[in-house]
Amino acid sequence: MSIVSITQVNVLDNPTHFANPYQFEITFECIAPLAADLEWKIIYVGSADSNAHDQVLESIMVGPIPVGVNKFVFQADAPKPELIPHNDIVGVTVILITCSYQDKEFVRIGYYVNNDYLEQELRENPPEQIAYEKLFRSILAEKPRVTRFPINWDNPMIEEQPPLQTEEQVQEIEAAQKAQLMESGEWEDMEA
């Protein structure tokens, strides 16, 4: 059983300009005292082809954690475009929020992000050089993908149990969900 459970995540400032910071209001419950802080990360998936382009936008330690309901706003700068493959900047990607206890990740929340131009002309005829000042992002906040990993809370250094899903299974599921969203046109509906 998890000692820390995320009860709600609100995506703030959405949709917004591509270069604006990411902001998430996170509410979580802690049911027992913790000996160490929690490590939270915001990770931008730069390319579906390789995690070599992933960017850790922010990593913070939060603690000490009191027993009960806790809330904070987690903010991170936008990704550095020069580290993202040119063909992957415009289109659908993923932003991840992870939480770890003593270096053991126990939850990962993924959101689909659509980076696109608001102007119809630029969408139909995108410029060769990306016009970052006209690029916006929209996070599909209503449909997060939550993956939980069991850890030993009493002694996290003991080898953890296998995750509920392997990383490969998570990637396959996320790829299938991304394809389904693109086929259904939900991104277009969301922007309307």
N, C-alpha and C. Protein backbone atom coordinates (compact mmCIF):
# COMPACT_ATOMS: atom_id res chain seq x y z
N MET A 1 0.84 -1.18 0.00
CA MET A 1 0.00 0.00 0.00
C MET A 1 0.89 1.25 0.00
N SER A 2 0.50 2.23 -0.77
CA SER A 2 1.27 3.46 -0.87
C SER A 2 0.98 4.37 0.31
N ILE A 3 2.01 4.91 0.89
CA ILE A 3 1.85 5.86 1.99
C ILE A 3 1.46 7.24 1.46
N VAL A 4 1.88 7.54 0.23
CA VAL A 4 1.56 8.82 -0.40
C VAL A 4 0.70 8.56 -1.63
N SER A 5 -0.44 9.24 -1.69
CA SER A 5 -1.35 9.11 -2.83
C SER A 5 -1.65 10.48 -3.40
N ILE A 6 -1.48 10.63 -4.69
CA ILE A 6 -1.84 11.89 -5.34
C ILE A 6 -3.34 11.88 -5.54
N THR A 7 -4.01 12.89 -5.01
CA THR A 7 -5.47 12.94 -5.09
C THR A 7 -5.97 13.85 -6.20
N GLN A 8 -5.16 14.84 -6.60
CA GLN A 8 -5.60 15.73 -7.67
C GLN A 8 -4.41 16.49 -8.25
N VAL A 9 -4.46 16.69 -9.56
CA VAL A 9 -3.49 17.54 -10.24
C VAL A 9 -4.28 18.48 -11.14
N ASN A 10 -4.11 19.78 -10.92
CA ASN A 10 -4.73 20.78 -11.78
C ASN A 10 -3.66 21.38 -12.68
N VAL A 11 -3.92 21.37 -13.97
CA VAL A 11 -3.01 21.98 -14.93
C VAL A 11 -3.37 23.46 -15.01
N LEU A 12 -2.44 24.33 -14.66
CA LEU A 12 -2.67 25.77 -14.66
C LEU A 12 -2.15 26.39 -15.96
N ASP A 13 -2.69 27.56 -16.30
CA ASP A 13 -2.26 28.31 -17.49
C ASP A 13 -2.26 27.41 -18.72
N ASN A 14 -3.42 26.89 -19.06
CA ASN A 14 -3.55 25.94 -20.16
C ASN A 14 -4.82 26.26 -20.95
N PRO A 15 -4.71 26.41 -22.27
CA PRO A 15 -3.51 26.43 -23.12
C PRO A 15 -2.74 27.74 -22.95
N THR A 16 -1.52 27.73 -23.46
CA THR A 16 -0.66 28.90 -23.31
C THR A 16 0.42 28.89 -24.37
N HIS A 17 1.20 29.95 -24.38
CA HIS A 17 2.32 30.08 -25.31
C HIS A 17 3.35 28.99 -25.03
N PHE A 18 4.00 28.49 -26.06
CA PHE A 18 4.99 27.41 -25.94
C PHE A 18 6.08 27.73 -24.92
N ALA A 19 6.52 28.99 -24.86
CA ALA A 19 7.66 29.36 -24.00
C ALA A 19 7.28 29.65 -22.56
N ASN A 20 5.99 29.65 -22.24
CA ASN A 20 5.57 29.92 -20.86
C ASN A 20 5.89 28.73 -19.95
N PRO A 21 6.08 29.00 -18.65
CA PRO A 21 6.37 27.90 -17.72
C PRO A 21 5.20 26.92 -17.61
N TYR A 22 5.54 25.67 -17.32
CA TYR A 22 4.53 24.67 -16.98
C TYR A 22 4.18 24.87 -15.51
N GLN A 23 2.88 24.77 -15.19
CA GLN A 23 2.44 24.93 -13.81
C GLN A 23 1.39 23.87 -13.48
N PHE A 24 1.62 23.17 -12.38
CA PHE A 24 0.70 22.13 -11.92
C PHE A 24 0.43 22.35 -10.43
N GLU A 25 -0.84 22.35 -10.06
CA GLU A 25 -1.21 22.39 -8.65
C GLU A 25 -1.45 20.95 -8.22
N ILE A 26 -0.62 20.45 -7.33
CA ILE A 26 -0.64 19.04 -6.94
C ILE A 26 -1.16 18.91 -5.51
N THR A 27 -2.16 18.05 -5.34
CA THR A 27 -2.69 17.73 -4.02
C THR A 27 -2.41 16.25 -3.76
N PHE A 28 -1.84 15.96 -2.61
CA PHE A 28 -1.56 14.56 -2.27
C PHE A 28 -1.82 14.33 -0.79
N GLU A 29 -2.03 13.07 -0.46
CA GLU A 29 -2.29 12.69 0.93
C GLU A 29 -1.18 11.77 1.41
N CYS A 30 -0.73 12.03 2.63
CA CYS A 30 0.29 11.20 3.27
C CYS A 30 -0.37 10.58 4.51
N ILE A 31 -0.36 9.23 4.60
CA ILE A 31 -1.09 8.57 5.69
C ILE A 31 -0.20 8.12 6.85
N ALA A 32 1.11 8.32 6.72
CA ALA A 32 2.04 7.95 7.80
C ALA A 32 3.28 8.84 7.71
N PRO A 33 3.98 9.02 8.82
CA PRO A 33 5.19 9.85 8.79
C PRO A 33 6.24 9.27 7.83
N LEU A 34 6.96 10.17 7.17
CA LEU A 34 8.02 9.77 6.25
C LEU A 34 9.38 10.18 6.83
N ALA A 35 10.36 9.33 6.66
CA ALA A 35 11.70 9.61 7.17
C ALA A 35 12.49 10.55 6.26
N ALA A 36 12.06 10.68 5.00
CA ALA A 36 12.80 11.49 4.04
C ALA A 36 11.83 12.33 3.21
N ASP A 37 12.39 13.26 2.45
CA ASP A 37 11.60 14.12 1.57
C ASP A 37 11.15 13.36 0.32
N LEU A 38 10.18 13.93 -0.38
CA LEU A 38 9.74 13.41 -1.67
C LEU A 38 10.44 14.19 -2.77
N GLU A 39 10.86 13.50 -3.81
CA GLU A 39 11.46 14.17 -4.97
C GLU A 39 10.44 14.19 -6.10
N TRP A 40 10.14 15.38 -6.58
CA TRP A 40 9.19 15.58 -7.68
C TRP A 40 9.96 16.06 -8.90
N LYS A 41 9.57 15.57 -10.08
CA LYS A 41 10.20 16.00 -11.33
C LYS A 41 9.13 16.29 -12.37
N ILE A 42 9.44 17.26 -13.23
CA ILE A 42 8.66 17.50 -14.45
C ILE A 42 9.60 17.20 -15.60
N ILE A 43 9.18 16.28 -16.47
CA ILE A 43 10.01 15.82 -17.59
C ILE A 43 9.27 16.04 -18.89
N TYR A 44 9.94 16.69 -19.84
CA TYR A 44 9.38 16.91 -21.18
C TYR A 44 9.94 15.84 -22.10
N VAL A 45 9.05 15.09 -22.76
CA VAL A 45 9.47 14.05 -23.69
C VAL A 45 9.72 14.72 -25.04
N GLY A 46 10.99 14.84 -25.40
CA GLY A 46 11.37 15.56 -26.61
C GLY A 46 11.12 14.80 -27.90
N SER A 47 11.10 13.47 -27.83
CA SER A 47 10.88 12.66 -29.02
C SER A 47 10.34 11.30 -28.61
N ALA A 48 9.36 10.81 -29.36
CA ALA A 48 8.80 9.48 -29.09
C ALA A 48 9.79 8.39 -29.47
N ASP A 49 10.77 8.73 -30.29
CA ASP A 49 11.72 7.74 -30.79
C ASP A 49 12.82 7.37 -29.80
N SER A 50 13.14 8.30 -28.89
CA SER A 50 14.27 8.05 -27.99
C SER A 50 14.14 8.92 -26.74
N ASN A 51 14.45 8.35 -25.58
CA ASN A 51 14.42 9.16 -24.36
C ASN A 51 15.69 10.02 -24.23
N ALA A 52 16.58 9.94 -25.20
CA ALA A 52 17.79 10.78 -25.19
C ALA A 52 17.44 12.26 -25.31
N HIS A 53 16.24 12.57 -25.81
CA HIS A 53 15.82 13.96 -25.98
C HIS A 53 14.92 14.45 -24.84
N ASP A 54 14.69 13.59 -23.84
CA ASP A 54 13.88 14.01 -22.69
C ASP A 54 14.63 15.08 -21.92
N GLN A 55 13.87 16.06 -21.41
CA GLN A 55 14.47 17.13 -20.62
C GLN A 55 13.81 17.16 -19.24
N VAL A 56 14.62 17.08 -18.18
CA VAL A 56 14.10 17.28 -16.84
C VAL A 56 13.98 18.79 -16.67
N LEU A 57 12.75 19.28 -16.68
CA LEU A 57 12.52 20.73 -16.62
C LEU A 57 12.70 21.27 -15.20
N GLU A 58 12.36 20.44 -14.22
CA GLU A 58 12.52 20.85 -12.82
C GLU A 58 12.56 19.61 -11.95
N SER A 59 13.35 19.67 -10.90
CA SER A 59 13.43 18.60 -9.91
C SER A 59 13.52 19.28 -8.55
N ILE A 60 12.59 18.93 -7.65
CA ILE A 60 12.58 19.56 -6.33
C ILE A 60 12.39 18.50 -5.25
N MET A 61 12.93 18.79 -4.09
CA MET A 61 12.70 17.97 -2.90
C MET A 61 11.65 18.69 -2.06
N VAL A 62 10.62 17.97 -1.64
CA VAL A 62 9.56 18.55 -0.83
C VAL A 62 9.52 17.80 0.50
N GLY A 63 9.63 18.54 1.59
CA GLY A 63 9.58 17.91 2.89
C GLY A 63 10.05 18.87 3.96
N PRO A 64 9.92 18.52 5.22
CA PRO A 64 9.29 17.29 5.67
C PRO A 64 7.79 17.29 5.34
N ILE A 65 7.25 16.11 5.12
CA ILE A 65 5.86 15.95 4.71
C ILE A 65 5.02 15.63 5.95
N PRO A 66 4.07 16.51 6.30
CA PRO A 66 3.19 16.18 7.43
C PRO A 66 2.13 15.15 7.02
N VAL A 67 1.68 14.38 7.98
CA VAL A 67 0.59 13.44 7.72
C VAL A 67 -0.66 14.27 7.43
N GLY A 68 -1.42 13.85 6.42
CA GLY A 68 -2.63 14.56 6.03
C GLY A 68 -2.58 14.97 4.58
N VAL A 69 -3.45 15.92 4.22
CA VAL A 69 -3.54 16.40 2.84
C VAL A 69 -2.59 17.58 2.66
N ASN A 70 -1.82 17.54 1.59
CA ASN A 70 -0.83 18.58 1.27
C ASN A 70 -1.06 19.07 -0.14
N LYS A 71 -0.71 20.34 -0.38
CA LYS A 71 -0.90 20.92 -1.71
C LYS A 71 0.23 21.89 -1.99
N PHE A 72 0.68 21.90 -3.26
CA PHE A 72 1.68 22.88 -3.68
C PHE A 72 1.57 23.09 -5.19
N VAL A 73 2.13 24.21 -5.65
CA VAL A 73 2.18 24.49 -7.09
C VAL A 73 3.60 24.19 -7.56
N PHE A 74 3.69 23.32 -8.55
CA PHE A 74 4.97 22.90 -9.11
C PHE A 74 5.11 23.58 -10.46
N GLN A 75 6.17 24.38 -10.61
CA GLN A 75 6.38 25.16 -11.84
C GLN A 75 7.75 24.84 -12.43
N ALA A 76 7.78 24.80 -13.76
CA ALA A 76 9.05 24.53 -14.46
C ALA A 76 9.10 25.36 -15.73
N ASP A 77 10.30 25.80 -16.08
CA ASP A 77 10.49 26.52 -17.34
C ASP A 77 10.14 25.61 -18.51
N ALA A 78 9.80 26.23 -19.62
CA ALA A 78 9.51 25.48 -20.85
C ALA A 78 10.77 24.76 -21.31
N PRO A 79 10.62 23.73 -22.14
CA PRO A 79 11.80 23.01 -22.63
C PRO A 79 12.66 23.89 -23.53
N LYS A 80 13.92 23.53 -23.64
CA LYS A 80 14.83 24.24 -24.54
C LYS A 80 14.63 23.68 -25.95
N PRO A 81 14.11 24.48 -26.86
CA PRO A 81 13.81 23.98 -28.21
C PRO A 81 15.02 23.42 -28.94
N GLU A 82 16.20 23.96 -28.65
CA GLU A 82 17.40 23.50 -29.36
C GLU A 82 17.76 22.05 -29.00
N LEU A 83 17.18 21.52 -27.92
CA LEU A 83 17.44 20.14 -27.52
C LEU A 83 16.39 19.16 -28.05
N ILE A 84 15.39 19.68 -28.75
CA ILE A 84 14.31 18.85 -29.29
C ILE A 84 14.56 18.68 -30.79
N PRO A 85 14.44 17.46 -31.32
CA PRO A 85 14.58 17.29 -32.77
C PRO A 85 13.58 18.19 -33.51
N HIS A 86 14.06 18.85 -34.56
CA HIS A 86 13.25 19.83 -35.30
C HIS A 86 11.88 19.27 -35.69
N ASN A 87 11.83 18.04 -36.14
CA ASN A 87 10.56 17.45 -36.59
C ASN A 87 9.61 17.11 -35.45
N ASP A 88 10.08 17.16 -34.20
CA ASP A 88 9.25 16.80 -33.05
C ASP A 88 8.76 18.00 -32.26
N ILE A 89 9.11 19.20 -32.66
CA ILE A 89 8.69 20.38 -31.89
C ILE A 89 7.20 20.64 -32.07
N VAL A 90 6.74 20.67 -33.31
CA VAL A 90 5.31 20.87 -33.58
C VAL A 90 4.66 19.50 -33.62
N GLY A 91 3.55 19.36 -32.89
CA GLY A 91 2.84 18.09 -32.86
C GLY A 91 2.59 17.63 -31.43
N VAL A 92 2.28 16.35 -31.29
CA VAL A 92 1.91 15.79 -30.00
C VAL A 92 3.12 15.17 -29.31
N THR A 93 3.25 15.46 -28.02
CA THR A 93 4.29 14.86 -27.19
C THR A 93 3.71 14.59 -25.81
N VAL A 94 4.57 14.38 -24.82
CA VAL A 94 4.12 14.04 -23.47
C VAL A 94 4.91 14.87 -22.46
N ILE A 95 4.22 15.28 -21.39
CA ILE A 95 4.88 15.87 -20.23
C ILE A 95 4.62 14.93 -19.05
N LEU A 96 5.65 14.64 -18.27
CA LEU A 96 5.54 13.71 -17.15
C LEU A 96 5.78 14.42 -15.83
N ILE A 97 5.02 14.03 -14.83
CA ILE A 97 5.28 14.42 -13.44
C ILE A 97 5.60 13.11 -12.72
N THR A 98 6.74 13.06 -12.07
CA THR A 98 7.10 11.85 -11.32
C THR A 98 7.33 12.21 -9.86
N CYS A 99 7.14 11.22 -9.01
CA CYS A 99 7.44 11.41 -7.59
C CYS A 99 8.18 10.17 -7.09
N SER A 100 9.26 10.43 -6.33
CA SER A 100 10.09 9.35 -5.80
C SER A 100 10.29 9.55 -4.30
N TYR A 101 10.51 8.43 -3.63
CA TYR A 101 10.83 8.43 -2.21
C TYR A 101 12.14 7.67 -2.04
N GLN A 102 13.14 8.33 -1.53
CA GLN A 102 14.49 7.77 -1.37
C GLN A 102 14.96 7.10 -2.66
N ASP A 103 14.89 7.85 -3.74
CA ASP A 103 15.35 7.44 -5.08
C ASP A 103 14.54 6.33 -5.71
N LYS A 104 13.37 6.02 -5.19
CA LYS A 104 12.50 4.99 -5.77
C LYS A 104 11.22 5.67 -6.27
N GLU A 105 11.05 5.67 -7.59
CA GLU A 105 9.86 6.27 -8.18
C GLU A 105 8.64 5.41 -7.85
N PHE A 106 7.58 6.08 -7.35
CA PHE A 106 6.38 5.33 -7.01
C PHE A 106 5.15 5.78 -7.79
N VAL A 107 5.24 6.90 -8.49
CA VAL A 107 4.11 7.32 -9.33
C VAL A 107 4.63 8.18 -10.48
N ARG A 108 3.96 8.02 -11.62
CA ARG A 108 4.27 8.80 -12.82
C ARG A 108 2.93 9.20 -13.46
N ILE A 109 2.79 10.50 -13.72
CA ILE A 109 1.58 11.01 -14.35
C ILE A 109 1.98 11.62 -15.68
N GLY A 110 1.38 11.14 -16.75
CA GLY A 110 1.70 11.63 -18.08
C GLY A 110 0.52 12.34 -18.71
N TYR A 111 0.80 13.45 -19.36
CA TYR A 111 -0.21 14.22 -20.09
C TYR A 111 0.24 14.39 -21.53
N TYR A 112 -0.69 14.27 -22.45
CA TYR A 112 -0.39 14.58 -23.84
C TYR A 112 -0.36 16.09 -24.00
N VAL A 113 0.59 16.56 -24.79
CA VAL A 113 0.76 17.98 -25.07
C VAL A 113 0.75 18.16 -26.58
N ASN A 114 -0.05 19.09 -27.05
CA ASN A 114 -0.06 19.41 -28.48
C ASN A 114 0.57 20.78 -28.67
N ASN A 115 1.68 20.83 -29.39
CA ASN A 115 2.34 22.08 -29.73
C ASN A 115 1.96 22.41 -31.17
N ASP A 116 1.31 23.56 -31.35
CA ASP A 116 0.84 23.91 -32.69
C ASP A 116 0.63 25.42 -32.78
N TYR A 117 0.42 25.87 -33.99
CA TYR A 117 0.12 27.28 -34.22
C TYR A 117 -1.38 27.51 -34.05
N LEU A 118 -1.75 28.67 -33.55
CA LEU A 118 -3.16 29.02 -33.44
C LEU A 118 -3.72 29.48 -34.78
N GLU A 119 -2.88 30.14 -35.56
CA GLU A 119 -3.34 30.68 -36.84
C GLU A 119 -3.50 29.55 -37.85
N GLN A 120 -4.68 29.50 -38.48
CA GLN A 120 -4.99 28.45 -39.45
C GLN A 120 -3.98 28.43 -40.60
N GLU A 121 -3.58 29.60 -41.06
CA GLU A 121 -2.63 29.70 -42.17
C GLU A 121 -1.30 29.01 -41.83
N LEU A 122 -0.81 29.24 -40.61
CA LEU A 122 0.45 28.61 -40.20
C LEU A 122 0.30 27.11 -39.98
N ARG A 123 -0.89 26.69 -39.57
CA ARG A 123 -1.12 25.25 -39.40
C ARG A 123 -1.12 24.53 -40.75
N GLU A 124 -1.75 25.16 -41.73
CA GLU A 124 -1.84 24.55 -43.06
C GLU A 124 -0.53 24.65 -43.82
N ASN A 125 0.19 25.75 -43.62
CA ASN A 125 1.47 25.97 -44.31
C ASN A 125 2.53 26.36 -43.27
N PRO A 126 3.02 25.39 -42.49
CA PRO A 126 3.99 25.73 -41.45
C PRO A 126 5.29 26.27 -42.05
N PRO A 127 5.86 27.28 -41.40
CA PRO A 127 7.12 27.83 -41.91
C PRO A 127 8.26 26.83 -41.73
N GLU A 128 9.27 26.94 -42.60
CA GLU A 128 10.42 26.05 -42.50
C GLU A 128 11.13 26.23 -41.16
N GLN A 129 11.37 27.48 -40.81
CA GLN A 129 11.93 27.80 -39.50
C GLN A 129 10.75 27.97 -38.54
N ILE A 130 10.76 27.28 -37.44
CA ILE A 130 9.64 27.34 -36.50
C ILE A 130 9.54 28.74 -35.91
N ALA A 131 8.32 29.28 -35.95
CA ALA A 131 8.04 30.61 -35.40
C ALA A 131 7.62 30.43 -33.94
N TYR A 132 8.60 30.36 -33.04
CA TYR A 132 8.33 30.07 -31.64
C TYR A 132 7.40 31.09 -31.01
N GLU A 133 7.49 32.33 -31.45
CA GLU A 133 6.64 33.37 -30.86
C GLU A 133 5.17 33.16 -31.20
N LYS A 134 4.87 32.30 -32.18
CA LYS A 134 3.48 32.03 -32.57
C LYS A 134 3.05 30.60 -32.21
N LEU A 135 3.93 29.87 -31.54
CA LEU A 135 3.66 28.47 -31.20
C LEU A 135 3.01 28.40 -29.81
N PHE A 136 1.93 27.65 -29.74
CA PHE A 136 1.20 27.47 -28.48
C PHE A 136 1.18 26.00 -28.11
N ARG A 137 0.96 25.75 -26.83
CA ARG A 137 0.82 24.37 -26.36
C ARG A 137 -0.51 24.22 -25.65
N SER A 138 -1.06 23.02 -25.77
CA SER A 138 -2.31 22.68 -25.11
C SER A 138 -2.13 21.31 -24.48
N ILE A 139 -2.36 21.23 -23.17
CA ILE A 139 -2.23 19.97 -22.45
C ILE A 139 -3.60 19.33 -22.32
N LEU A 140 -3.70 18.06 -22.67
CA LEU A 140 -4.95 17.32 -22.52
C LEU A 140 -5.09 16.94 -21.05
N ALA A 141 -5.55 17.91 -20.25
CA ALA A 141 -5.57 17.79 -18.79
C ALA A 141 -6.59 16.78 -18.28
N GLU A 142 -7.62 16.52 -19.05
CA GLU A 142 -8.71 15.66 -18.58
C GLU A 142 -8.36 14.17 -18.63
N LYS A 143 -7.31 13.81 -19.34
CA LYS A 143 -7.00 12.39 -19.53
C LYS A 143 -5.55 12.06 -19.19
N PRO A 144 -5.16 12.22 -17.92
CA PRO A 144 -3.78 11.85 -17.58
C PRO A 144 -3.62 10.33 -17.57
N ARG A 145 -2.41 9.90 -17.79
CA ARG A 145 -2.05 8.48 -17.72
C ARG A 145 -1.25 8.31 -16.44
N VAL A 146 -1.80 7.59 -15.47
CA VAL A 146 -1.16 7.42 -14.17
C VAL A 146 -0.60 6.01 -14.05
N THR A 147 0.68 5.91 -13.73
CA THR A 147 1.33 4.61 -13.51
C THR A 147 1.90 4.61 -12.10
N ARG A 148 1.56 3.58 -11.34
CA ARG A 148 2.05 3.45 -9.97
C ARG A 148 3.06 2.30 -9.91
N PHE A 149 4.10 2.52 -9.11
CA PHE A 149 5.13 1.51 -8.92
C PHE A 149 5.18 1.17 -7.42
N PRO A 150 5.02 -0.09 -7.06
CA PRO A 150 5.10 -0.44 -5.63
C PRO A 150 6.55 -0.33 -5.13
N ILE A 151 6.70 0.28 -3.97
CA ILE A 151 8.02 0.36 -3.34
C ILE A 151 7.89 -0.08 -1.89
N ASN A 152 9.00 -0.39 -1.28
CA ASN A 152 9.03 -0.72 0.14
C ASN A 152 9.21 0.59 0.89
N TRP A 153 8.14 1.10 1.49
CA TRP A 153 8.18 2.40 2.15
C TRP A 153 9.01 2.36 3.43
N ASP A 154 9.06 1.22 4.10
CA ASP A 154 9.82 1.12 5.35
C ASP A 154 11.32 1.15 5.08
N ASN A 155 11.72 0.50 3.98
CA ASN A 155 13.13 0.46 3.62
C ASN A 155 13.22 0.46 2.10
N PRO A 156 13.14 1.64 1.46
CA PRO A 156 13.14 1.70 0.00
C PRO A 156 14.40 1.16 -0.65
N MET A 157 15.48 0.97 0.11
CA MET A 157 16.71 0.46 -0.49
C MET A 157 16.63 -1.04 -0.77
N ILE A 158 15.66 -1.73 -0.14
CA ILE A 158 15.44 -3.13 -0.47
C ILE A 158 14.90 -3.19 -1.88
N GLU A 159 15.33 -4.18 -2.64
CA GLU A 159 14.90 -4.27 -4.05
C GLU A 159 13.38 -4.23 -4.13
N GLU A 160 12.90 -3.33 -4.95
CA GLU A 160 11.46 -3.14 -5.08
C GLU A 160 10.82 -4.27 -5.87
N GLN A 161 9.52 -4.37 -5.71
CA GLN A 161 8.75 -5.33 -6.49
C GLN A 161 8.72 -4.84 -7.93
N PRO A 162 8.42 -5.74 -8.87
CA PRO A 162 8.34 -5.29 -10.25
C PRO A 162 7.20 -4.28 -10.41
N PRO A 163 7.35 -3.32 -11.32
CA PRO A 163 6.28 -2.34 -11.52
C PRO A 163 5.01 -3.03 -11.99
N LEU A 164 3.89 -2.34 -11.78
CA LEU A 164 2.62 -2.87 -12.24
C LEU A 164 2.63 -3.03 -13.75
N GLN A 165 3.42 -2.20 -14.42
CA GLN A 165 3.60 -2.29 -15.87
C GLN A 165 5.06 -2.01 -16.16
N THR A 166 5.62 -2.73 -17.12
CA THR A 166 7.01 -2.47 -17.49
C THR A 166 7.07 -1.16 -18.27
N GLU A 167 8.26 -0.59 -18.33
CA GLU A 167 8.45 0.65 -19.09
C GLU A 167 8.06 0.45 -20.55
N GLU A 168 8.39 -0.72 -21.09
CA GLU A 168 8.05 -1.02 -22.48
C GLU A 168 6.53 -1.06 -22.67
N GLN A 169 5.81 -1.66 -21.72
CA GLN A 169 4.35 -1.71 -21.80
C GLN A 169 3.77 -0.30 -21.72
N VAL A 170 4.32 0.53 -20.83
CA VAL A 170 3.85 1.90 -20.70
C VAL A 170 4.04 2.65 -22.02
N GLN A 171 5.21 2.48 -22.66
CA GLN A 171 5.48 3.16 -23.93
C GLN A 171 4.53 2.67 -25.02
N GLU A 172 4.25 1.36 -25.05
CA GLU A 172 3.32 0.83 -26.05
C GLU A 172 1.92 1.38 -25.85
N ILE A 173 1.48 1.44 -24.59
CA ILE A 173 0.15 1.98 -24.28
C ILE A 173 0.08 3.45 -24.66
N GLU A 174 1.11 4.23 -24.30
CA GLU A 174 1.11 5.65 -24.62
C GLU A 174 1.12 5.89 -26.12
N ALA A 175 1.87 5.08 -26.87
CA ALA A 175 1.90 5.23 -28.33
C ALA A 175 0.53 4.92 -28.92
N ALA A 176 -0.13 3.89 -28.42
CA ALA A 176 -1.47 3.53 -28.92
C ALA A 176 -2.48 4.62 -28.57
N GLN A 177 -2.40 5.17 -27.36
CA GLN A 177 -3.32 6.23 -26.96
C GLN A 177 -3.09 7.49 -27.80
N LYS A 178 -1.83 7.80 -28.07
CA LYS A 178 -1.51 8.97 -28.88
C LYS A 178 -2.09 8.82 -30.28
N ALA A 179 -1.92 7.64 -30.87
CA ALA A 179 -2.46 7.39 -32.21
C ALA A 179 -3.98 7.49 -32.21
N GLN A 180 -4.60 6.96 -31.16
CA GLN A 180 -6.06 7.02 -31.06
C GLN A 180 -6.54 8.46 -30.95
N LEU A 181 -5.87 9.28 -30.14
CA LEU A 181 -6.26 10.68 -30.00
C LEU A 181 -6.12 11.43 -31.31
N MET A 182 -5.04 11.16 -32.03
CA MET A 182 -4.82 11.86 -33.29
C MET A 182 -5.87 11.43 -34.32
N GLU A 183 -6.21 10.13 -34.36
CA GLU A 183 -7.21 9.64 -35.30
C GLU A 183 -8.60 10.18 -34.98
N SER A 184 -8.91 10.29 -33.69
CA SER A 184 -10.25 10.75 -33.30
C SER A 184 -10.41 12.25 -33.46
N GLY A 185 -9.31 12.97 -33.64
CA GLY A 185 -9.38 14.42 -33.80
C GLY A 185 -9.62 15.15 -32.49
N GLU A 186 -9.37 14.50 -31.34
CA GLU A 186 -9.62 15.15 -30.06
C GLU A 186 -8.80 16.41 -29.86
N TRP A 187 -7.57 16.45 -30.43
CA TRP A 187 -6.76 17.66 -30.28
C TRP A 187 -7.44 18.83 -30.96
N GLU A 188 -8.00 18.58 -32.13
CA GLU A 188 -8.67 19.66 -32.85
C GLU A 188 -9.91 20.10 -32.08
N ASP A 189 -10.66 19.15 -31.50
CA ASP A 189 -11.85 19.48 -30.72
C ASP A 189 -11.46 20.30 -29.50
N MET A 190 -10.36 19.96 -28.88
CA MET A 190 -9.92 20.63 -27.67
C MET A 190 -9.55 22.09 -27.94
N GLU A 191 -9.00 22.35 -29.11
CA GLU A 191 -8.56 23.70 -29.44
C GLU A 191 -9.72 24.59 -29.88
N ALA A 192 -10.81 23.98 -30.30
CA ALA A 192 -11.96 24.76 -30.80
C ALA A 192 -12.66 25.49 -29.68
